[in-house]
Amino acid sequence: MTEGEAAAALQICPRTLRKARQQGDLSFVRIGRNVRYSQSDIEQFIERSRECHSTSARAPRSGSTRSRSTVFDFEEVRARRASAKRKP
């Protein structure tokens, strides 16, 4: 099948199909300057691209959920710095 037919079969943009081919993710046959895909190549691409999300319970979060950052009063810090500069 042609690039357009393969892209339509996968319901993706031809540019995305081309990128997959160039990255080596999708097998193809070159006949002269023409690129063709077989049905089995498309099916193998789909199987390799398949993602199986786990149905098991999520892992507990690592670390504390509390923020460790400190909030400073900008005006107070500025006043301390100004008074420290005046002392010497």
C-alpha atoms as a PDB file:
ATOM      1  CA  MET A   1       0.000   0.000   0.000  1.00  0.00           C
ATOM      2  CA  THR A   2       1.129   3.559  -0.601  1.00  0.00           C
ATOM      3  CA  GLU A   3       2.113   6.058   2.060  1.00  0.00           C
ATOM      4  CA  GLY A   4      -1.285   7.728   1.858  1.00  0.00           C
ATOM      5  CA  GLU A   5      -3.145   4.432   2.120  1.00  0.00           C
ATOM      6  CA  ALA A   6      -1.005   3.310   5.075  1.00  0.00           C
ATOM      7  CA  ALA A   7      -1.503   6.649   6.856  1.00  0.00           C
ATOM      8  CA  ALA A   8      -5.254   6.383   6.309  1.00  0.00           C
ATOM      9  CA  ALA A   9      -5.271   2.790   7.600  1.00  0.00           C
ATOM     10  CA  LEU A  10      -3.434   3.898  10.757  1.00  0.00           C
ATOM     11  CA  GLN A  11      -5.470   7.107  10.989  1.00  0.00           C
ATOM     12  CA  ILE A  12      -2.336   9.224  11.270  1.00  0.00           C
ATOM     13  CA  CYS A  13      -0.821  12.034   9.251  1.00  0.00           C
ATOM     14  CA  PRO A  14       1.487  10.945   6.395  1.00  0.00           C
ATOM     15  CA  ARG A  15       4.259  13.012   8.001  1.00  0.00           C
ATOM     16  CA  THR A  16       3.942  10.950  11.205  1.00  0.00           C
ATOM     17  CA  LEU A  17       4.135   7.773   9.121  1.00  0.00           C
ATOM     18  CA  ARG A  18       7.252   9.100   7.376  1.00  0.00           C
ATOM     19  CA  LYS A  19       8.904   9.909  10.730  1.00  0.00           C
ATOM     20  CA  ALA A  20       8.196   6.376  12.004  1.00  0.00           C
ATOM     21  CA  ARG A  21       9.757   4.958   8.837  1.00  0.00           C
ATOM     22  CA  GLN A  22      12.826   7.212   9.096  1.00  0.00           C
ATOM     23  CA  GLN A  23      13.323   6.308  12.764  1.00  0.00           C
ATOM     24  CA  GLY A  24      13.240   2.615  11.858  1.00  0.00           C
ATOM     25  CA  ASP A  25       9.991   1.935  13.703  1.00  0.00           C
ATOM     26  CA  LEU A  26       8.095   0.895  10.568  1.00  0.00           C
ATOM     27  CA  SER A  27       9.285  -1.564   7.934  1.00  0.00           C
ATOM     28  CA  PHE A  28       8.792  -0.684   4.277  1.00  0.00           C
ATOM     29  CA  VAL A  29       9.729  -1.680   0.752  1.00  0.00           C
ATOM     30  CA  ARG A  30      11.315   0.768  -1.668  1.00  0.00           C
ATOM     31  CA  ILE A  31      10.608   0.138  -5.333  1.00  0.00           C
ATOM     32  CA  GLY A  32      12.631   2.669  -7.259  1.00  0.00           C
ATOM     33  CA  ARG A  33      11.670   5.975  -5.676  1.00  0.00           C
ATOM     34  CA  ASN A  34       8.356   4.664  -4.368  1.00  0.00           C
ATOM     35  CA  VAL A  35       7.820   3.526  -0.787  1.00  0.00           C
ATOM     36  CA  ARG A  36       5.302   0.775  -0.105  1.00  0.00           C
ATOM     37  CA  TYR A  37       4.032  -0.860   3.067  1.00  0.00           C
ATOM     38  CA  SER A  38       2.637  -4.351   3.441  1.00  0.00           C
ATOM     39  CA  GLN A  39      -0.352  -5.131   5.630  1.00  0.00           C
ATOM     40  CA  SER A  40       1.861  -7.284   7.877  1.00  0.00           C
ATOM     41  CA  ASP A  41       4.315  -4.367   8.325  1.00  0.00           C
ATOM     42  CA  ILE A  42       1.432  -2.159   9.446  1.00  0.00           C
ATOM     43  CA  GLU A  43       0.141  -4.822  11.840  1.00  0.00           C
ATOM     44  CA  GLN A  44       3.613  -5.355  13.330  1.00  0.00           C
ATOM     45  CA  PHE A  45       4.002  -1.603  13.776  1.00  0.00           C
ATOM     46  CA  ILE A  46       0.707  -1.498  15.654  1.00  0.00           C
ATOM     47  CA  GLU A  47       1.747  -4.395  17.911  1.00  0.00           C
ATOM     48  CA  ARG A  48       5.144  -2.808  18.689  1.00  0.00           C
ATOM     49  CA  SER A  49       3.431   0.496  19.447  1.00  0.00           C
ATOM     50  CA  ARG A  50       0.852  -1.052  21.760  1.00  0.00           C
ATOM     51  CA  GLU A  51       0.980   0.153  25.358  1.00  0.00           C
ATOM     52  CA  CYS A  52      -0.500  -1.907  28.162  1.00  0.00           C
ATOM     53  CA  HIS A  53      -1.274   0.158  31.204  1.00  0.00           C
ATOM     54  CA  SER A  54      -1.139  -1.648  34.509  1.00  0.00           C
ATOM     55  CA  THR A  55      -4.436  -2.296  36.250  1.00  0.00           C
ATOM     56  CA  SER A  56      -2.755  -2.924  39.614  1.00  0.00           C
ATOM     57  CA  ALA A  57      -2.870  -0.415  42.444  1.00  0.00           C
ATOM     58  CA  ARG A  58      -0.723   2.645  42.111  1.00  0.00           C
ATOM     59  CA  ALA A  59       2.577   2.732  43.956  1.00  0.00           C
ATOM     60  CA  PRO A  60       2.658   4.968  47.024  1.00  0.00           C
ATOM     61  CA  ARG A  61       4.115   8.421  46.552  1.00  0.00           C
ATOM     62  CA  SER A  62       7.695   8.811  47.569  1.00  0.00           C
ATOM     63  CA  GLY A  63       8.604  11.521  50.023  1.00  0.00           C
ATOM     64  CA  SER A  64       6.426  13.887  51.908  1.00  0.00           C
ATOM     65  CA  THR A  65       3.454  15.617  50.376  1.00  0.00           C
ATOM     66  CA  ARG A  66       4.234  18.750  52.351  1.00  0.00           C
ATOM     67  CA  SER A  67       6.200  21.555  50.845  1.00  0.00           C
ATOM     68  CA  ARG A  68       9.687  22.025  52.268  1.00  0.00           C
ATOM     69  CA  SER A  69      10.035  25.553  50.992  1.00  0.00           C
ATOM     70  CA  THR A  70      10.129  28.488  53.347  1.00  0.00           C
ATOM     71  CA  VAL A  71       8.076  31.633  52.921  1.00  0.00           C
ATOM     72  CA  PHE A  72       9.877  34.868  53.701  1.00  0.00           C
ATOM     73  CA  ASP A  73       8.386  38.246  54.379  1.00  0.00           C
ATOM     74  CA  PHE A  74      10.046  40.337  51.689  1.00  0.00           C
ATOM     75  CA  GLU A  75       9.693  43.633  53.551  1.00  0.00           C
ATOM     76  CA  GLU A  76      11.173  42.168  56.744  1.00  0.00           C
ATOM     77  CA  VAL A  77      14.208  40.725  54.927  1.00  0.00           C
ATOM     78  CA  ARG A  78      14.740  44.011  53.117  1.00  0.00           C
ATOM     79  CA  ALA A  79      14.570  45.960  56.366  1.00  0.00           C
ATOM     80  CA  ARG A  80      17.112  43.602  58.020  1.00  0.00           C
ATOM     81  CA  ARG A  81      19.516  43.983  55.117  1.00  0.00           C
ATOM     82  CA  ALA A  82      19.178  47.750  55.168  1.00  0.00           C
ATOM     83  CA  SER A  83      19.836  47.911  58.920  1.00  0.00           C
ATOM     84  CA  ALA A  84      22.837  45.574  58.571  1.00  0.00           C
ATOM     85  CA  LYS A  85      24.367  47.921  56.007  1.00  0.00           C
ATOM     86  CA  ARG A  86      23.960  50.917  58.340  1.00  0.00           C
ATOM     87  CA  LYS A  87      25.704  49.347  61.386  1.00  0.00           C
ATOM     88  CA  PRO A  88      29.390  49.458  60.299  1.00  0.00           C
END
